Amino acid sequence: MQLRHLPAGTRFKLLRNGQKYTLNGAQLCKHRLFVKRDSGQELTDLNHQCEIKPIIRCTGTASETIQMIEVCKALRVSNG
Protein backbone atom coordinates (compact mmCIF):
# COMPACT_ATOMS: atom_id res chain seq x y z
CA MET A 1 0.00 0.00 0.00
CA GLN A 2 1.23 3.51 -0.71
CA LEU A 3 1.28 6.41 1.72
CA ARG A 4 -1.02 8.58 -0.41
CA HIS A 5 -3.98 6.23 0.21
CA LEU A 6 -4.04 6.72 4.00
CA PRO A 7 -6.40 9.12 5.78
CA ALA A 8 -4.84 11.79 8.02
CA GLY A 9 -4.00 10.67 11.56
CA THR A 10 -3.27 7.06 10.62
CA ARG A 11 -0.24 5.34 12.15
CA PHE A 12 1.86 3.25 9.79
CA LYS A 13 5.16 1.41 9.42
CA LEU A 14 7.48 2.38 6.58
CA LEU A 15 8.46 -0.89 4.87
CA ARG A 16 11.94 0.19 3.76
CA ASN A 17 13.24 0.79 7.30
CA GLY A 18 10.56 -0.49 9.70
CA GLN A 19 10.13 2.83 11.53
CA LYS A 20 6.68 3.88 12.73
CA TYR A 21 5.08 7.20 11.79
CA THR A 22 1.79 9.08 11.97
CA LEU A 23 0.44 10.82 8.86
CA ASN A 24 -0.16 14.52 9.50
CA GLY A 25 -2.28 14.95 6.38
CA ALA A 26 -0.91 18.27 5.15
CA GLN A 27 0.96 18.26 1.85
CA LEU A 28 4.35 19.92 1.54
CA CYS A 29 4.04 19.97 -2.23
CA LYS A 30 2.37 17.81 -4.86
CA HIS A 31 4.29 14.61 -4.05
CA ARG A 32 5.40 15.01 -0.40
CA LEU A 33 3.34 14.46 2.75
CA PHE A 34 4.11 15.57 6.31
CA VAL A 35 4.55 12.75 8.83
CA LYS A 36 5.67 12.55 12.46
CA ARG A 37 8.02 9.77 13.58
CA ASP A 38 6.77 7.97 16.70
CA SER A 39 10.17 8.39 18.37
CA GLY A 40 10.26 12.19 17.89
CA GLN A 41 8.19 15.36 18.01
CA GLU A 42 9.31 17.07 14.80
CA LEU A 43 7.54 16.75 11.46
CA THR A 44 9.35 15.36 8.45
CA ASP A 45 8.18 14.59 4.94
CA LEU A 46 7.93 11.44 2.85
CA ASN A 47 7.17 10.80 -0.80
CA HIS A 48 3.52 9.91 -1.39
CA GLN A 49 4.56 6.68 -3.16
CA CYS A 50 6.41 5.20 -0.16
CA GLU A 51 5.33 1.62 0.54
CA ILE A 52 3.78 1.33 3.99
CA LYS A 53 1.80 -0.99 6.22
CA PRO A 54 -0.97 0.65 8.31
CA ILE A 55 -1.02 -0.03 12.06
CA ILE A 56 -4.57 -0.83 13.11
CA ARG A 57 -5.42 -1.37 16.76
CA CYS A 58 -9.02 -1.12 17.79
CA THR A 59 -9.77 -0.79 21.49
CA GLY A 60 -13.44 -0.09 20.92
CA THR A 61 -13.53 3.69 20.90
CA ALA A 62 -15.65 5.28 18.19
CA SER A 63 -12.80 7.34 16.71
CA GLU A 64 -10.56 4.28 16.35
CA THR A 65 -13.38 2.31 14.75
CA ILE A 66 -13.98 5.10 12.23
CA GLN A 67 -10.27 5.31 11.48
CA MET A 68 -10.12 1.54 10.97
CA ILE A 69 -13.00 1.74 8.48
CA GLU A 70 -11.26 4.56 6.56
CA VAL A 71 -8.02 2.57 6.38
CA CYS A 72 -9.88 -0.49 5.12
CA LYS A 73 -11.50 1.63 2.40
CA ALA A 74 -8.07 2.99 1.45
CA LEU A 75 -6.71 -0.57 1.25
CA ARG A 76 -9.48 -1.51 -1.17
CA VAL A 77 -8.69 1.54 -3.34
CA SER A 78 -4.96 0.80 -3.43
CA ASN A 79 -5.49 -2.87 -4.28
CA GLY A 80 -8.25 -2.25 -6.82
PDB file of N, CA and C in Angstrom:
ATOM      1  N   MET A   1       0.845  -1.171   0.000  1.00  0.00           N
ATOM      2  CA  MET A   1       0.000   0.000   0.000  1.00  0.00           C
ATOM      3  C   MET A   1       0.889   1.231   0.000  1.00  0.00           C
ATOM      4  N   GLN A   2       0.449   2.278  -0.659  1.00  0.00           N
ATOM      5  CA  GLN A   2       1.232   3.507  -0.711  1.00  0.00           C
ATOM      6  C   GLN A   2       0.693   4.541   0.274  1.00  0.00           C
ATOM      7  N   LEU A   3       1.588   5.393   0.721  1.00  0.00           N
ATOM      8  CA  LEU A   3       1.283   6.411   1.724  1.00  0.00           C
ATOM      9  C   LEU A   3       0.116   7.301   1.315  1.00  0.00           C
ATOM     10  N   ARG A   4       0.011   7.637   0.049  1.00  0.00           N
ATOM     11  CA  ARG A   4      -1.016   8.578  -0.408  1.00  0.00           C
ATOM     12  C   ARG A   4      -2.444   8.081  -0.188  1.00  0.00           C
ATOM     13  N   HIS A   5      -2.640   6.783   0.041  1.00  0.00           N
ATOM     14  CA  HIS A   5      -3.984   6.234   0.212  1.00  0.00           C
ATOM     15  C   HIS A   5      -4.489   6.305   1.648  1.00  0.00           C
ATOM     16  N   LEU A   6      -3.636   6.684   2.590  1.00  0.00           N
ATOM     17  CA  LEU A   6      -4.039   6.721   3.996  1.00  0.00           C
ATOM     18  C   LEU A   6      -4.776   8.002   4.356  1.00  0.00           C
ATOM     19  N   PRO A   7      -5.774   7.906   5.249  1.00  0.00           N
ATOM     20  CA  PRO A   7      -6.398   9.118   5.781  1.00  0.00           C
ATOM     21  C   PRO A   7      -5.494   9.769   6.831  1.00  0.00           C
ATOM     22  N   ALA A   8      -5.647  11.057   7.041  1.00  0.00           N
ATOM     23  CA  ALA A   8      -4.842  11.786   8.018  1.00  0.00           C
ATOM     24  C   ALA A   8      -5.034  11.197   9.415  1.00  0.00           C
ATOM     25  N   GLY A   9      -3.948  11.174  10.189  1.00  0.00           N
ATOM     26  CA  GLY A   9      -3.997  10.670  11.555  1.00  0.00           C
ATOM     27  C   GLY A   9      -3.696   9.187  11.698  1.00  0.00           C
ATOM     28  N   THR A  10      -3.515   8.498  10.580  1.00  0.00           N
ATOM     29  CA  THR A  10      -3.267   7.063  10.618  1.00  0.00           C
ATOM     30  C   THR A  10      -1.813   6.767  10.960  1.00  0.00           C
ATOM     31  N   ARG A  11      -1.602   5.809  11.858  1.00  0.00           N
ATOM     32  CA  ARG A  11      -0.240   5.336  12.152  1.00  0.00           C
ATOM     33  C   ARG A  11       0.121   4.269  11.140  1.00  0.00           C
ATOM     34  N   PHE A  12       1.407   4.227  10.764  1.00  0.00           N
ATOM     35  CA  PHE A  12       1.858   3.247   9.786  1.00  0.00           C
ATOM     36  C   PHE A  12       3.325   2.927   9.992  1.00  0.00           C
ATOM     37  N   LYS A  13       3.757   1.809   9.392  1.00  0.00           N
ATOM     38  CA  LYS A  13       5.159   1.412   9.422  1.00  0.00           C
ATOM     39  C   LYS A  13       5.700   1.537   8.011  1.00  0.00           C
ATOM     40  N   LEU A  14       6.824   2.234   7.872  1.00  0.00           N
ATOM     41  CA  LEU A  14       7.483   2.380   6.582  1.00  0.00           C
ATOM     42  C   LEU A  14       8.215   1.070   6.286  1.00  0.00           C
ATOM     43  N   LEU A  15       7.915   0.443   5.156  1.00  0.00           N
ATOM     44  CA  LEU A  15       8.458  -0.886   4.871  1.00  0.00           C
ATOM     45  C   LEU A  15       9.953  -0.880   4.629  1.00  0.00           C
ATOM     46  N   ARG A  16      10.514   0.209   4.098  1.00  0.00           N
ATOM     47  CA  ARG A  16      11.941   0.192   3.762  1.00  0.00           C
ATOM     48  C   ARG A  16      12.853   0.210   4.983  1.00  0.00           C
ATOM     49  N   ASN A  17      12.374   0.764   6.121  1.00  0.00           N
ATOM     50  CA  ASN A  17      13.239   0.787   7.305  1.00  0.00           C
ATOM     51  C   ASN A  17      12.559   0.318   8.588  1.00  0.00           C
ATOM     52  N   GLY A  18      11.269   0.034   8.543  1.00  0.00           N
ATOM     53  CA  GLY A  18      10.556  -0.494   9.700  1.00  0.00           C
ATOM     54  C   GLY A  18      10.179   0.524  10.759  1.00  0.00           C
ATOM     55  N   GLN A  19      10.471   1.814  10.531  1.00  0.00           N
ATOM     56  CA  GLN A  19      10.133   2.834  11.528  1.00  0.00           C
ATOM     57  C   GLN A  19       8.647   3.166  11.472  1.00  0.00           C
ATOM     58  N   LYS A  20       8.112   3.573  12.630  1.00  0.00           N
ATOM     59  CA  LYS A  20       6.685   3.883  12.735  1.00  0.00           C
ATOM     60  C   LYS A  20       6.471   5.385  12.702  1.00  0.00           C
ATOM     61  N   TYR A  21       5.413   5.798  12.000  1.00  0.00           N
ATOM     62  CA  TYR A  21       5.083   7.204  11.792  1.00  0.00           C
ATOM     63  C   TYR A  21       3.578   7.406  11.946  1.00  0.00           C
ATOM     64  N   THR A  22       3.183   8.682  12.028  1.00  0.00           N
ATOM     65  CA  THR A  22       1.786   9.081  11.972  1.00  0.00           C
ATOM     66  C   THR A  22       1.650  10.098  10.845  1.00  0.00           C
ATOM     67  N   LEU A  23       0.666   9.906   9.974  1.00  0.00           N
ATOM     68  CA  LEU A  23       0.444  10.819   8.858  1.00  0.00           C
ATOM     69  C   LEU A  23      -0.235  12.087   9.358  1.00  0.00           C
ATOM     70  N   ASN A  24       0.391  13.235   9.088  1.00  0.00           N
ATOM     71  CA  ASN A  24      -0.161  14.520   9.499  1.00  0.00           C
ATOM     72  C   ASN A  24      -1.306  14.926   8.585  1.00  0.00           C
ATOM     73  N   GLY A  25      -1.193  14.663   7.313  1.00  0.00           N
ATOM     74  CA  GLY A  25      -2.276  14.951   6.379  1.00  0.00           C
ATOM     75  C   GLY A  25      -2.034  16.166   5.514  1.00  0.00           C
ATOM     76  N   ALA A  26      -1.184  17.090   5.953  1.00  0.00           N
ATOM     77  CA  ALA A  26      -0.905  18.275   5.151  1.00  0.00           C
ATOM     78  C   ALA A  26       0.148  17.941   4.103  1.00  0.00           C
ATOM     79  N   GLN A  27      -0.011  18.494   2.920  1.00  0.00           N
ATOM     80  CA  GLN A  27       0.961  18.261   1.854  1.00  0.00           C
ATOM     81  C   GLN A  27       2.000  19.365   1.830  1.00  0.00           C
ATOM     82  N   LEU A  28       3.260  18.960   1.690  1.00  0.00           N
ATOM     83  CA  LEU A  28       4.354  19.919   1.542  1.00  0.00           C
ATOM     84  C   LEU A  28       4.345  20.474   0.122  1.00  0.00           C
ATOM     85  N   CYS A  29       4.208  19.604  -0.828  1.00  0.00           N
ATOM     86  CA  CYS A  29       4.040  19.969  -2.230  1.00  0.00           C
ATOM     87  C   CYS A  29       3.234  18.847  -2.868  1.00  0.00           C
ATOM     88  N   LYS A  30       3.228  18.765  -4.168  1.00  0.00           N
ATOM     89  CA  LYS A  30       2.370  17.807  -4.865  1.00  0.00           C
ATOM     90  C   LYS A  30       2.662  16.342  -4.491  1.00  0.00           C
ATOM     91  N   HIS A  31       3.919  16.004  -4.248  1.00  0.00           N
ATOM     92  CA  HIS A  31       4.292  14.610  -4.055  1.00  0.00           C
ATOM     93  C   HIS A  31       4.874  14.300  -2.675  1.00  0.00           C
ATOM     94  N   ARG A  32       4.834  15.228  -1.734  1.00  0.00           N
ATOM     95  CA  ARG A  32       5.401  15.014  -0.398  1.00  0.00           C
ATOM     96  C   ARG A  32       4.314  15.217   0.650  1.00  0.00           C
ATOM     97  N   LEU A  33       4.304  14.363   1.665  1.00  0.00           N
ATOM     98  CA  LEU A  33       3.338  14.455   2.751  1.00  0.00           C
ATOM     99  C   LEU A  33       4.069  14.592   4.083  1.00  0.00           C
ATOM    100  N   PHE A  34       3.531  15.411   4.984  1.00  0.00           N
ATOM    101  CA  PHE A  34       4.112  15.567   6.310  1.00  0.00           C
ATOM    102  C   PHE A  34       3.750  14.365   7.179  1.00  0.00           C
ATOM    103  N   VAL A  35       4.743  13.852   7.894  1.00  0.00           N
ATOM    104  CA  VAL A  35       4.548  12.753   8.832  1.00  0.00           C
ATOM    105  C   VAL A  35       5.325  13.068  10.108  1.00  0.00           C
ATOM    106  N   LYS A  36       4.947  12.397  11.197  1.00  0.00           N
ATOM    107  CA  LYS A  36       5.672  12.547  12.460  1.00  0.00           C
ATOM    108  C   LYS A  36       6.149  11.171  12.889  1.00  0.00           C
ATOM    109  N   ARG A  37       7.451  11.032  13.113  1.00  0.00           N
ATOM    110  CA  ARG A  37       8.020   9.772  13.582  1.00  0.00           C
ATOM    111  C   ARG A  37       7.563   9.540  15.016  1.00  0.00           C
ATOM    112  N   ASP A  38       7.231   8.298  15.342  1.00  0.00           N
ATOM    113  CA  ASP A  38       6.772   7.968  16.700  1.00  0.00           C
ATOM    114  C   ASP A  38       7.824   8.267  17.757  1.00  0.00           C
ATOM    115  N   SER A  39       9.094   8.173  17.392  1.00  0.00           N
ATOM    116  CA  SER A  39      10.166   8.391  18.367  1.00  0.00           C
ATOM    117  C   SER A  39      10.550   9.863  18.522  1.00  0.00           C
ATOM    118  N   GLY A  40       9.908  10.779  17.805  1.00  0.00           N
ATOM    119  CA  GLY A  40      10.261  12.194  17.889  1.00  0.00           C
ATOM    120  C   GLY A  40       9.049  13.097  17.811  1.00  0.00           C
ATOM    121  N   GLN A  41       9.279  14.383  18.028  1.00  0.00           N
ATOM    122  CA  GLN A  41       8.190  15.357  18.008  1.00  0.00           C
ATOM    123  C   GLN A  41       8.138  16.182  16.723  1.00  0.00           C
ATOM    124  N   GLU A  42       9.254  16.218  15.985  1.00  0.00           N
ATOM    125  CA  GLU A  42       9.309  17.072  14.799  1.00  0.00           C
ATOM    126  C   GLU A  42       8.660  16.398  13.593  1.00  0.00           C
ATOM    127  N   LEU A  43       8.112  17.239  12.706  1.00  0.00           N
ATOM    128  CA  LEU A  43       7.537  16.749  11.459  1.00  0.00           C
ATOM    129  C   LEU A  43       8.633  16.559  10.429  1.00  0.00           C
ATOM    130  N   THR A  44       8.468  15.569   9.592  1.00  0.00           N
ATOM    131  CA  THR A  44       9.348  15.356   8.454  1.00  0.00           C
ATOM    132  C   THR A  44       8.444  15.064   7.256  1.00  0.00           C
ATOM    133  N   ASP A  45       9.017  14.867   6.094  1.00  0.00           N
ATOM    134  CA  ASP A  45       8.178  14.593   4.940  1.00  0.00           C
ATOM    135  C   ASP A  45       8.635  13.322   4.240  1.00  0.00           C
ATOM    136  N   LEU A  46       7.669  12.646   3.610  1.00  0.00           N
ATOM    137  CA  LEU A  46       7.933  11.440   2.848  1.00  0.00           C
ATOM    138  C   LEU A  46       7.252  11.554   1.491  1.00  0.00           C
ATOM    139  N   ASN A  47       7.785  10.843   0.513  1.00  0.00           N
ATOM    140  CA  ASN A  47       7.167  10.799  -0.802  1.00  0.00           C
ATOM    141  C   ASN A  47       5.840  10.056  -0.702  1.00  0.00           C
ATOM    142  N   HIS A  48       4.857  10.508  -1.461  1.00  0.00           N
ATOM    143  CA  HIS A  48       3.524   9.914  -1.386  1.00  0.00           C
ATOM    144  C   HIS A  48       3.483   8.484  -1.914  1.00  0.00           C
ATOM    145  N   GLN A  49       4.535   8.033  -2.621  1.00  0.00           N
ATOM    146  CA  GLN A  49       4.564   6.676  -3.161  1.00  0.00           C
ATOM    147  C   GLN A  49       5.293   5.684  -2.259  1.00  0.00           C
ATOM    148  N   CYS A  50       5.733   6.111  -1.082  1.00  0.00           N
ATOM    149  CA  CYS A  50       6.411   5.199  -0.156  1.00  0.00           C
ATOM    150  C   CYS A  50       5.499   4.015   0.168  1.00  0.00           C
ATOM    151  N   GLU A  51       6.079   2.830   0.191  1.00  0.00           N
ATOM    152  CA  GLU A  51       5.326   1.621   0.537  1.00  0.00           C
ATOM    153  C   GLU A  51       5.243   1.510   2.055  1.00  0.00           C
ATOM    154  N   ILE A  52       4.020   1.351   2.548  1.00  0.00           N
ATOM    155  CA  ILE A  52       3.784   1.332   3.993  1.00  0.00           C
ATOM    156  C   ILE A  52       2.839   0.194   4.365  1.00  0.00           C
ATOM    157  N   LYS A  53       2.770  -0.055   5.678  1.00  0.00           N
ATOM    158  CA  LYS A  53       1.796  -0.989   6.223  1.00  0.00           C
ATOM    159  C   LYS A  53       1.077  -0.257   7.349  1.00  0.00           C
ATOM    160  N   PRO A  54      -0.249  -0.062   7.243  1.00  0.00           N
ATOM    161  CA  PRO A  54      -0.975   0.649   8.308  1.00  0.00           C
ATOM    162  C   PRO A  54      -0.971  -0.143   9.613  1.00  0.00           C
ATOM    163  N   ILE A  55      -0.941   0.584  10.723  1.00  0.00           N
ATOM    164  CA  ILE A  55      -1.024  -0.026  12.056  1.00  0.00           C
ATOM    165  C   ILE A  55      -2.448   0.179  12.537  1.00  0.00           C
ATOM    166  N   ILE A  56      -3.166  -0.915  12.705  1.00  0.00           N
ATOM    167  CA  ILE A  56      -4.574  -0.831  13.108  1.00  0.00           C
ATOM    168  C   ILE A  56      -4.730  -1.555  14.438  1.00  0.00           C
ATOM    169  N   ARG A  57      -5.113  -0.798  15.443  1.00  0.00           N
ATOM    170  CA  ARG A  57      -5.418  -1.369  16.756  1.00  0.00           C
ATOM    171  C   ARG A  57      -6.740  -0.779  17.197  1.00  0.00           C
ATOM    172  N   CYS A  58      -7.706  -1.607  17.401  1.00  0.00           N
ATOM    173  CA  CYS A  58      -9.022  -1.122  17.793  1.00  0.00           C
ATOM    174  C   CYS A  58      -9.298  -1.536  19.241  1.00  0.00           C
ATOM    175  N   THR A  59      -9.456  -0.528  20.086  1.00  0.00           N
ATOM    176  CA  THR A  59      -9.769  -0.794  21.486  1.00  0.00           C
ATOM    177  C   THR A  59     -11.238  -0.560  21.785  1.00  0.00           C
ATOM    178  N   GLY A  60     -12.001  -0.236  20.732  1.00  0.00           N
ATOM    179  CA  GLY A  60     -13.435  -0.095  20.915  1.00  0.00           C
ATOM    180  C   GLY A  60     -13.938   1.330  20.932  1.00  0.00           C
ATOM    181  N   THR A  61     -13.038   2.319  20.913  1.00  0.00           N
ATOM    182  CA  THR A  61     -13.529   3.695  20.897  1.00  0.00           C
ATOM    183  C   THR A  61     -14.065   4.022  19.508  1.00  0.00           C
ATOM    184  N   ALA A  62     -15.009   4.931  19.457  1.00  0.00           N
ATOM    185  CA  ALA A  62     -15.652   5.277  18.186  1.00  0.00           C
ATOM    186  C   ALA A  62     -14.667   5.861  17.185  1.00  0.00           C
ATOM    187  N   SER A  63     -13.738   6.711  17.639  1.00  0.00           N
ATOM    188  CA  SER A  63     -12.797   7.339  16.712  1.00  0.00           C
ATOM    189  C   SER A  63     -11.850   6.310  16.100  1.00  0.00           C
ATOM    190  N   GLU A  64     -11.427   5.331  16.884  1.00  0.00           N
ATOM    191  CA  GLU A  64     -10.556   4.276  16.349  1.00  0.00           C
ATOM    192  C   GLU A  64     -11.306   3.387  15.378  1.00  0.00           C
ATOM    193  N   THR A  65     -12.571   3.121  15.652  1.00  0.00           N
ATOM    194  CA  THR A  65     -13.375   2.308  14.746  1.00  0.00           C
ATOM    195  C   THR A  65     -13.564   3.018  13.418  1.00  0.00           C
ATOM    196  N   ILE A  66     -13.839   4.322  13.461  1.00  0.00           N
ATOM    197  CA  ILE A  66     -13.983   5.102  12.229  1.00  0.00           C
ATOM    198  C   ILE A  66     -12.679   5.120  11.452  1.00  0.00           C
ATOM    199  N   GLN A  67     -11.566   5.301  12.148  1.00  0.00           N
ATOM    200  CA  GLN A  67     -10.266   5.310  11.481  1.00  0.00           C
ATOM    201  C   GLN A  67      -9.981   3.950  10.842  1.00  0.00           C
ATOM    202  N   MET A  68     -10.329   2.865  11.523  1.00  0.00           N
ATOM    203  CA  MET A  68     -10.116   1.536  10.975  1.00  0.00           C
ATOM    204  C   MET A  68     -10.940   1.343   9.697  1.00  0.00           C
ATOM    205  N   ILE A  69     -12.161   1.835   9.672  1.00  0.00           N
ATOM    206  CA  ILE A  69     -13.004   1.736   8.481  1.00  0.00           C
ATOM    207  C   ILE A  69     -12.388   2.529   7.332  1.00  0.00           C
ATOM    208  N   GLU A  70     -11.879   3.746   7.608  1.00  0.00           N
ATOM    209  CA  GLU A  70     -11.257   4.564   6.565  1.00  0.00           C
ATOM    210  C   GLU A  70     -10.014   3.892   6.001  1.00  0.00           C
ATOM    211  N   VAL A  71      -9.220   3.265   6.847  1.00  0.00           N
ATOM    212  CA  VAL A  71      -8.019   2.571   6.382  1.00  0.00           C
ATOM    213  C   VAL A  71      -8.405   1.372   5.522  1.00  0.00           C
ATOM    214  N   CYS A  72      -9.428   0.651   5.921  1.00  0.00           N
ATOM    215  CA  CYS A  72      -9.882  -0.493   5.120  1.00  0.00           C
ATOM    216  C   CYS A  72     -10.367  -0.047   3.750  1.00  0.00           C
ATOM    217  N   LYS A  73     -11.078   1.085   3.687  1.00  0.00           N
ATOM    218  CA  LYS A  73     -11.503   1.630   2.395  1.00  0.00           C
ATOM    219  C   LYS A  73     -10.282   2.001   1.545  1.00  0.00           C
ATOM    220  N   ALA A  74      -9.269   2.613   2.178  1.00  0.00           N
ATOM    221  CA  ALA A  74      -8.066   2.986   1.452  1.00  0.00           C
ATOM    222  C   ALA A  74      -7.334   1.753   0.935  1.00  0.00           C
ATOM    223  N   LEU A  75      -7.339   0.672   1.704  1.00  0.00           N
ATOM    224  CA  LEU A  75      -6.711  -0.567   1.253  1.00  0.00           C
ATOM    225  C   LEU A  75      -7.407  -1.111   0.015  1.00  0.00           C
ATOM    226  N   ARG A  76      -8.732  -1.043  -0.006  1.00  0.00           N
ATOM    227  CA  ARG A  76      -9.481  -1.510  -1.172  1.00  0.00           C
ATOM    228  C   ARG A  76      -9.155  -0.668  -2.405  1.00  0.00           C
ATOM    229  N   VAL A  77      -9.027   0.642  -2.226  1.00  0.00           N
ATOM    230  CA  VAL A  77      -8.690   1.537  -3.343  1.00  0.00           C
ATOM    231  C   VAL A  77      -7.307   1.230  -3.874  1.00  0.00           C
ATOM    232  N   SER A  78      -6.331   1.027  -2.995  1.00  0.00           N
ATOM    233  CA  SER A  78      -4.956   0.798  -3.429  1.00  0.00           C
ATOM    234  C   SER A  78      -4.780  -0.567  -4.082  1.00  0.00           C
ATOM    235  N   ASN A  79      -5.598  -1.530  -3.694  1.00  0.00           N
ATOM    236  CA  ASN A  79      -5.493  -2.870  -4.278  1.00  0.00           C
ATOM    237  C   ASN A  79      -6.353  -3.034  -5.526  1.00  0.00           C
ATOM    238  N   GLY A  80      -7.285  -2.114  -5.732  1.00  0.00           N
ATOM    239  CA  GLY A  80      -8.246  -2.253  -6.821  1.00  0.00           C
ATOM    240  C   GLY A  80      -7.812  -1.557  -8.038  1.00  0.00           C
TER     241      GLY A  80
END
